Amino acid sequence: MNFADVRFWGILAVSLLAILVIRVVVVKVMRPDPGHYDRAALAITGLVLLGCVSLLSLGIFAAVSVTTYLGLHLILKTDSSQKRRAKWLWLLIPLQLSPLLFYKYGGFLGNDILGLESRSFTNVIIPVGISFYTFQLISFAVDTLKRSQPLPSPLNTLNFAGFFPQIVAGPIERRETLLPQLEKFRFRWDKKAVETGLTWIILGLFFKRCLADNLALTPLVHSGTNPFLVWLDTVMFGFRIYFDFCGYSLMALGVAQCLGIRLTLNFRSPYGASNIADFWRRWHVTLSTWFRDYIYLPLGGSRTGFWTANLLIVFAISGIWHGAGWNFLIWGGMHGFFLLVYRLPMKVNLPRAVGFLLTHLCVFLAWLCFYETNTQELFRKLGLLLNPASYDGLAVRSFIAACLSPNGLDVFGILGIVVCVISLEMWSLRRQGEPYRFLRTRGAAAILIFLTVILSPISNNDFIYFAF
């Protein structure tokens, strides 16, 4: 669901109107349980919206959801031992992962790892949201079997797996937080909830349309030979991916809030972090905690002497989760290395400002691996950035000339807005305990609407994480 596309809101409005009209007729004629009707209508709405995005995405989502539910139903019905039930996960989880492995990693595993040089995966389209709902359903299966939780009804399970605001790009919710809300779901008009939800939607649209889309469309001269320009491209991409992904997450949170459902705040101003561990407590929170709870801790966490290997395994998987390519694996490895260095027993007490700058230097250096997918070119650019000799007078003059070019004002103008927004996030987190509180006041909402209207580019880019 592209929340930045007017068509989404049109389809959603028509769907909600149809739900209201049918509800009036059905309740008068058939007198069903209103709660059951509302939950069924919510499930159908999610399926319709996902089908409008892609019929392939709808079909694969249905396959993974049905496999999960039927698998859990059979395990719970045929095996009464909790210990044996948990062992069935070794069969169920690979079944859940099989569509993800085929569509997202088939080409990488076959051609890059095994060297098959097959063209079978050349035109394979990755189903939208497959990484997100697959991980959510894996955690659902693990929690159901290992914690002896009852299996919900098929309808409630479908709503948990396919709650439309977050199915495409998260947040990745847990059974204990989202499922109880959906089991009690009703379509109600709650003025306060709608007002709160709208502030999240307005902020998310501003992040996406005003900041992320402009960062994508206002490059300086792309250069693979000038380290300053490579750094600038990397910084702009780092900010773009944050405002793009966070913008979606905030809009998802807002739409859910309007429906009376609370989702997890997936970002907590990550660019306000003063160390790399703090960055990962703020960036893509639900994925970070998913890896911690379902991979890192089961491997032994930090309680074992192999904690360094556990950490590197987690970040290698995190890198591959983001994309099928060596560049994503390198990105994960870099962050794993940064965290290992941070957690070394020999601590160096750095001033907060130095820690802040060093953290962002590492984070933005790693972002180069996200947008540079050519491995050979990636290594060349990394070598350029890490080579002090490349920062010579010619590079400085070339960089200054690019900054003074016609696009330079646009670039630094949008970067100026970015710095102001992140500063407000940090201030809000320090004062209010919530990074976006000051950006969600009525006055701020009016300003953000104005800026979004006048500064949004004509073209509308898809959300970056739709590809993951």
Foldseek 3Di string as FASTA:
>chain_A
DFLLDPVLVVLVVVLVVVLVVVLVVCCVPVVDDQLVSQLLSQLVSLLVSLVVVPVVLSVLLVQLLVLLQVLLVVLVVPDVDLVVSLVCLVVSLCSSCVLVCCQFPVCLCVCVVVNPPDCPNVPRARRALSLQLSLLSSLVSNCCRNVVNDRDDSSLSSCSSRRRLASRPDDSDHCVQFSVCSSRFHQDQDPVLLLLLVLLLLQLLLLAFQFLVLLVVQQFPDDLQQLVSLLLNLVSVVSNLCSLSLSSVSNSQSVCSRRVGGGDNQAQLLLVDLALVSSQCGHRNSVSVSLVPPQQVVVPDPNDPCNLVSLLVSLQVVLVSQHSAVLSSVLSNLSSVRVVVCPDPDDDDDPSVVSSVVNVVSVSLSSLSVPPRPVVSNVSSNVLNPDPVSNDPVSVVVVVVRCPPPSNCSSVVSVVVVVVLSVQQSVCCVPPVGRCVVCSDPVNSVVSVVSSVVRGDPDRDGRPSSSD
